[in-house]
Amino acid sequence: MAVSTIEEDLTIKGNVSSKGGNVDIKGKVVGDVTAEAVLIHGTGSVDGALAARKIAVQGKHKGNLKCDDLTFASTAQVEADVSAQTLTTESGAKILGKVQISGG
């Protein structure tokens, strides 16, 4: 499976899509991100919708979030309406918005 990395010094203004691959975000994305899996590193941020089978947030996210498997690290700062089947959250994660976990 291909992994596309948006490095710390990179800002993308526009949507990012990976068909069947993973997207690692260490920099900034202003737009929607769609992939098989998305990892927002501690230095990364996304201002837009996230959609993937698996999402892990260590950094910042603002916008809607939809996935099957969701993980928030203790460093996560999220302002989003969240829809997921499963959720794992470390102590210290900051989440503001509506959270809907369907179990699955």
N, C-alpha and C. Protein backbone atom coordinates (compact mmCIF):
# COMPACT_ATOMS: atom_id res chain seq x y z
N MET A 1 0.84 -1.18 0.00
CA MET A 1 0.00 0.00 0.00
C MET A 1 0.89 1.24 0.00
N ALA A 2 0.60 2.17 -0.86
CA ALA A 2 1.38 3.39 -0.98
C ALA A 2 1.10 4.34 0.19
N VAL A 3 2.15 5.03 0.63
CA VAL A 3 2.02 6.05 1.67
C VAL A 3 2.50 7.37 1.10
N SER A 4 1.63 8.37 1.13
CA SER A 4 1.99 9.71 0.68
C SER A 4 2.17 10.58 1.92
N THR A 5 3.29 11.31 1.98
CA THR A 5 3.60 12.12 3.16
C THR A 5 3.62 13.59 2.80
N ILE A 6 2.89 14.37 3.59
CA ILE A 6 2.92 15.83 3.46
C ILE A 6 3.83 16.31 4.59
N GLU A 7 5.03 16.74 4.22
CA GLU A 7 6.06 17.09 5.21
C GLU A 7 5.76 18.40 5.93
N GLU A 8 6.48 18.63 7.04
CA GLU A 8 6.25 19.77 7.92
C GLU A 8 6.33 21.12 7.22
N ASP A 9 7.18 21.25 6.21
CA ASP A 9 7.37 22.54 5.54
C ASP A 9 6.38 22.77 4.40
N LEU A 10 5.40 21.87 4.25
CA LEU A 10 4.48 21.93 3.12
C LEU A 10 3.07 22.29 3.57
N THR A 11 2.45 23.25 2.87
CA THR A 11 1.05 23.59 3.06
C THR A 11 0.33 23.35 1.74
N ILE A 12 -0.73 22.56 1.79
CA ILE A 12 -1.53 22.29 0.60
C ILE A 12 -2.88 22.96 0.77
N LYS A 13 -3.25 23.81 -0.19
CA LYS A 13 -4.56 24.44 -0.21
C LYS A 13 -5.33 23.79 -1.35
N GLY A 14 -6.23 22.89 -0.96
CA GLY A 14 -6.99 22.11 -1.93
C GLY A 14 -7.21 20.71 -1.37
N ASN A 15 -8.01 19.93 -2.05
CA ASN A 15 -8.35 18.60 -1.57
C ASN A 15 -7.24 17.60 -1.88
N VAL A 16 -7.07 16.61 -0.99
CA VAL A 16 -6.09 15.55 -1.16
C VAL A 16 -6.84 14.23 -1.20
N SER A 17 -6.55 13.40 -2.21
CA SER A 17 -7.23 12.12 -2.34
C SER A 17 -6.22 11.05 -2.73
N SER A 18 -6.28 9.91 -2.03
CA SER A 18 -5.43 8.77 -2.35
C SER A 18 -6.32 7.55 -2.49
N LYS A 19 -6.35 6.97 -3.67
CA LYS A 19 -7.20 5.81 -3.93
C LYS A 19 -6.51 4.56 -3.38
N GLY A 20 -6.98 4.08 -2.23
CA GLY A 20 -6.44 2.86 -1.66
C GLY A 20 -5.13 3.01 -0.92
N GLY A 21 -4.61 4.23 -0.78
CA GLY A 21 -3.34 4.45 -0.10
C GLY A 21 -3.51 5.19 1.21
N ASN A 22 -2.39 5.40 1.89
CA ASN A 22 -2.38 6.11 3.16
C ASN A 22 -1.81 7.51 2.97
N VAL A 23 -2.29 8.46 3.78
CA VAL A 23 -1.77 9.82 3.75
C VAL A 23 -1.29 10.17 5.16
N ASP A 24 0.01 10.49 5.27
CA ASP A 24 0.60 10.96 6.52
C ASP A 24 0.77 12.47 6.42
N ILE A 25 0.21 13.19 7.39
CA ILE A 25 0.24 14.66 7.34
C ILE A 25 1.09 15.18 8.48
N LYS A 26 2.24 15.73 8.12
CA LYS A 26 3.13 16.37 9.09
C LYS A 26 3.07 17.88 8.94
N GLY A 27 2.60 18.34 7.78
CA GLY A 27 2.45 19.76 7.49
C GLY A 27 1.01 20.19 7.65
N LYS A 28 0.53 21.04 6.71
CA LYS A 28 -0.81 21.60 6.83
C LYS A 28 -1.60 21.37 5.55
N VAL A 29 -2.87 20.97 5.72
CA VAL A 29 -3.78 20.84 4.59
C VAL A 29 -4.99 21.71 4.86
N VAL A 30 -5.31 22.59 3.92
CA VAL A 30 -6.53 23.39 3.97
C VAL A 30 -7.40 22.86 2.84
N GLY A 31 -8.25 21.91 3.20
CA GLY A 31 -9.08 21.22 2.22
C GLY A 31 -9.42 19.85 2.76
N ASP A 32 -10.18 19.09 1.99
CA ASP A 32 -10.64 17.77 2.41
C ASP A 32 -9.58 16.71 2.11
N VAL A 33 -9.52 15.67 2.95
CA VAL A 33 -8.58 14.57 2.76
C VAL A 33 -9.37 13.26 2.74
N THR A 34 -9.18 12.48 1.67
CA THR A 34 -9.82 11.18 1.51
C THR A 34 -8.74 10.15 1.19
N ALA A 35 -8.74 9.04 1.94
CA ALA A 35 -7.74 7.99 1.71
C ALA A 35 -8.19 6.71 2.39
N GLU A 36 -7.42 5.65 2.24
CA GLU A 36 -7.68 4.41 2.97
C GLU A 36 -7.40 4.62 4.46
N ALA A 37 -6.28 5.31 4.75
CA ALA A 37 -5.91 5.63 6.14
C ALA A 37 -5.27 7.00 6.17
N VAL A 38 -5.54 7.76 7.24
CA VAL A 38 -4.97 9.09 7.41
C VAL A 38 -4.35 9.17 8.80
N LEU A 39 -3.11 9.68 8.86
CA LEU A 39 -2.44 9.94 10.12
C LEU A 39 -2.04 11.40 10.15
N ILE A 40 -2.58 12.14 11.12
CA ILE A 40 -2.17 13.53 11.32
C ILE A 40 -1.17 13.52 12.47
N HIS A 41 0.09 13.75 12.13
CA HIS A 41 1.16 13.76 13.13
C HIS A 41 1.01 14.97 14.05
N GLY A 42 1.79 15.00 15.13
CA GLY A 42 1.73 16.08 16.11
C GLY A 42 1.99 17.45 15.52
N THR A 43 2.79 17.52 14.46
CA THR A 43 3.08 18.79 13.79
C THR A 43 2.08 19.11 12.70
N GLY A 44 1.17 18.18 12.41
CA GLY A 44 0.26 18.33 11.29
C GLY A 44 -1.08 18.94 11.67
N SER A 45 -1.74 19.50 10.65
CA SER A 45 -3.08 20.04 10.85
C SER A 45 -3.88 19.93 9.56
N VAL A 46 -5.18 19.71 9.73
CA VAL A 46 -6.11 19.67 8.60
C VAL A 46 -7.29 20.56 8.93
N ASP A 47 -7.59 21.47 8.01
CA ASP A 47 -8.77 22.32 8.11
C ASP A 47 -9.68 21.93 6.96
N GLY A 48 -10.51 20.91 7.20
CA GLY A 48 -11.40 20.38 6.16
C GLY A 48 -11.90 19.02 6.60
N ALA A 49 -12.69 18.40 5.78
CA ALA A 49 -13.28 17.10 6.10
C ALA A 49 -12.26 15.98 5.94
N LEU A 50 -12.35 14.98 6.82
CA LEU A 50 -11.53 13.77 6.72
C LEU A 50 -12.44 12.59 6.49
N ALA A 51 -12.09 11.72 5.54
CA ALA A 51 -12.83 10.50 5.30
C ALA A 51 -11.84 9.39 4.97
N ALA A 52 -11.90 8.31 5.75
CA ALA A 52 -11.00 7.18 5.53
C ALA A 52 -11.53 5.98 6.29
N ARG A 53 -10.97 4.81 6.01
CA ARG A 53 -11.33 3.63 6.78
C ARG A 53 -10.73 3.75 8.18
N LYS A 54 -9.49 4.23 8.26
CA LYS A 54 -8.80 4.36 9.54
C LYS A 54 -8.19 5.76 9.64
N ILE A 55 -8.44 6.45 10.78
CA ILE A 55 -7.89 7.78 11.01
C ILE A 55 -7.26 7.83 12.39
N ALA A 56 -6.07 8.40 12.47
CA ALA A 56 -5.39 8.63 13.74
C ALA A 56 -4.99 10.10 13.79
N VAL A 57 -5.33 10.78 14.89
CA VAL A 57 -5.04 12.20 15.02
C VAL A 57 -4.12 12.42 16.23
N GLN A 58 -2.94 12.98 15.95
CA GLN A 58 -2.01 13.38 17.00
C GLN A 58 -1.91 14.90 17.05
N GLY A 59 -2.24 15.54 15.93
CA GLY A 59 -2.14 17.00 15.81
C GLY A 59 -3.50 17.67 15.85
N LYS A 60 -3.74 18.59 14.89
CA LYS A 60 -4.97 19.40 14.89
C LYS A 60 -5.86 19.07 13.70
N HIS A 61 -7.16 19.08 13.96
CA HIS A 61 -8.14 18.88 12.88
C HIS A 61 -9.37 19.73 13.16
N LYS A 62 -9.84 20.41 12.12
CA LYS A 62 -11.06 21.21 12.20
C LYS A 62 -11.89 20.89 10.97
N GLY A 63 -13.10 20.36 11.20
CA GLY A 63 -13.98 19.98 10.10
C GLY A 63 -14.67 18.67 10.43
N ASN A 64 -15.40 18.11 9.49
CA ASN A 64 -16.08 16.84 9.71
C ASN A 64 -15.10 15.68 9.60
N LEU A 65 -15.43 14.58 10.29
CA LEU A 65 -14.55 13.41 10.30
C LEU A 65 -15.42 12.16 10.22
N LYS A 66 -15.15 11.29 9.24
CA LYS A 66 -15.93 10.06 9.08
C LYS A 66 -14.99 8.91 8.77
N CYS A 67 -15.11 7.83 9.60
CA CYS A 67 -14.25 6.67 9.40
C CYS A 67 -14.82 5.46 10.11
N ASP A 68 -14.14 4.31 9.94
CA ASP A 68 -14.50 3.09 10.66
C ASP A 68 -13.77 3.04 12.00
N ASP A 69 -12.45 3.24 11.96
CA ASP A 69 -11.59 3.09 13.13
C ASP A 69 -10.89 4.42 13.41
N LEU A 70 -11.15 5.00 14.59
CA LEU A 70 -10.64 6.33 14.92
C LEU A 70 -9.82 6.29 16.20
N THR A 71 -8.66 6.95 16.17
CA THR A 71 -7.80 7.04 17.35
C THR A 71 -7.39 8.49 17.56
N PHE A 72 -7.59 8.99 18.79
CA PHE A 72 -7.12 10.31 19.18
C PHE A 72 -5.99 10.14 20.19
N ALA A 73 -4.81 10.69 19.88
CA ALA A 73 -3.68 10.68 20.81
C ALA A 73 -3.91 11.76 21.87
N SER A 74 -3.13 11.73 22.91
CA SER A 74 -3.26 12.71 24.00
C SER A 74 -3.00 14.13 23.51
N THR A 75 -2.28 14.29 22.41
CA THR A 75 -1.93 15.61 21.86
C THR A 75 -2.95 16.12 20.85
N ALA A 76 -3.99 15.34 20.56
CA ALA A 76 -4.98 15.71 19.54
C ALA A 76 -5.81 16.92 19.99
N GLN A 77 -6.05 17.83 19.02
CA GLN A 77 -6.92 18.98 19.22
C GLN A 77 -7.90 18.99 18.06
N VAL A 78 -9.15 18.62 18.35
CA VAL A 78 -10.13 18.39 17.29
C VAL A 78 -11.38 19.23 17.51
N GLU A 79 -11.80 19.94 16.45
CA GLU A 79 -13.09 20.64 16.40
C GLU A 79 -13.82 20.04 15.21
N ALA A 80 -14.70 19.06 15.49
CA ALA A 80 -15.31 18.33 14.38
C ALA A 80 -16.58 17.63 14.82
N ASP A 81 -17.43 17.38 13.84
CA ASP A 81 -18.52 16.44 14.02
C ASP A 81 -17.95 15.09 13.59
N VAL A 82 -17.92 14.14 14.52
CA VAL A 82 -17.24 12.86 14.33
C VAL A 82 -18.25 11.74 14.16
N SER A 83 -18.03 10.90 13.15
CA SER A 83 -18.83 9.70 12.94
C SER A 83 -17.86 8.55 12.70
N ALA A 84 -17.89 7.55 13.61
CA ALA A 84 -16.99 6.41 13.49
C ALA A 84 -17.65 5.16 14.05
N GLN A 85 -17.11 4.00 13.68
CA GLN A 85 -17.61 2.75 14.25
C GLN A 85 -16.95 2.49 15.59
N THR A 86 -15.62 2.71 15.67
CA THR A 86 -14.90 2.51 16.93
C THR A 86 -14.03 3.73 17.22
N LEU A 87 -13.82 4.01 18.51
CA LEU A 87 -13.04 5.17 18.93
C LEU A 87 -12.12 4.78 20.08
N THR A 88 -10.85 5.14 19.95
CA THR A 88 -9.87 5.01 21.02
C THR A 88 -9.34 6.40 21.31
N THR A 89 -9.39 6.80 22.57
CA THR A 89 -8.94 8.14 22.94
C THR A 89 -7.98 8.07 24.12
N GLU A 90 -6.81 8.70 23.97
CA GLU A 90 -5.87 8.79 25.08
C GLU A 90 -6.27 9.95 25.97
N SER A 91 -5.95 9.86 27.24
CA SER A 91 -6.21 10.93 28.18
C SER A 91 -5.48 12.20 27.75
N GLY A 92 -6.19 13.32 27.75
CA GLY A 92 -5.60 14.60 27.37
C GLY A 92 -6.04 15.11 26.01
N ALA A 93 -6.62 14.24 25.19
CA ALA A 93 -7.11 14.67 23.87
C ALA A 93 -8.22 15.70 24.06
N LYS A 94 -8.22 16.73 23.20
CA LYS A 94 -9.24 17.78 23.27
C LYS A 94 -10.16 17.65 22.07
N ILE A 95 -11.45 17.42 22.34
CA ILE A 95 -12.43 17.21 21.28
C ILE A 95 -13.63 18.11 21.52
N LEU A 96 -13.95 18.92 20.51
CA LEU A 96 -15.10 19.82 20.58
C LEU A 96 -15.97 19.52 19.37
N GLY A 97 -17.22 19.13 19.61
CA GLY A 97 -18.14 18.83 18.52
C GLY A 97 -19.01 17.65 18.88
N LYS A 98 -19.78 17.21 17.91
CA LYS A 98 -20.71 16.09 18.09
C LYS A 98 -19.98 14.80 17.74
N VAL A 99 -20.04 13.81 18.65
CA VAL A 99 -19.36 12.54 18.43
C VAL A 99 -20.40 11.43 18.38
N GLN A 100 -20.40 10.68 17.28
CA GLN A 100 -21.34 9.56 17.13
C GLN A 100 -20.53 8.30 16.84
N ILE A 101 -20.56 7.35 17.79
CA ILE A 101 -19.85 6.07 17.64
C ILE A 101 -20.90 4.98 17.52
N SER A 102 -20.88 4.27 16.39
CA SER A 102 -21.93 3.29 16.12
C SER A 102 -21.58 1.90 16.66
N GLY A 103 -20.31 1.65 16.96
CA GLY A 103 -19.90 0.31 17.39
C GLY A 103 -19.95 -0.61 16.19
N GLY A 104 -18.97 -1.47 16.07
CA GLY A 104 -19.01 -2.31 14.89
C GLY A 104 -17.87 -3.18 14.68
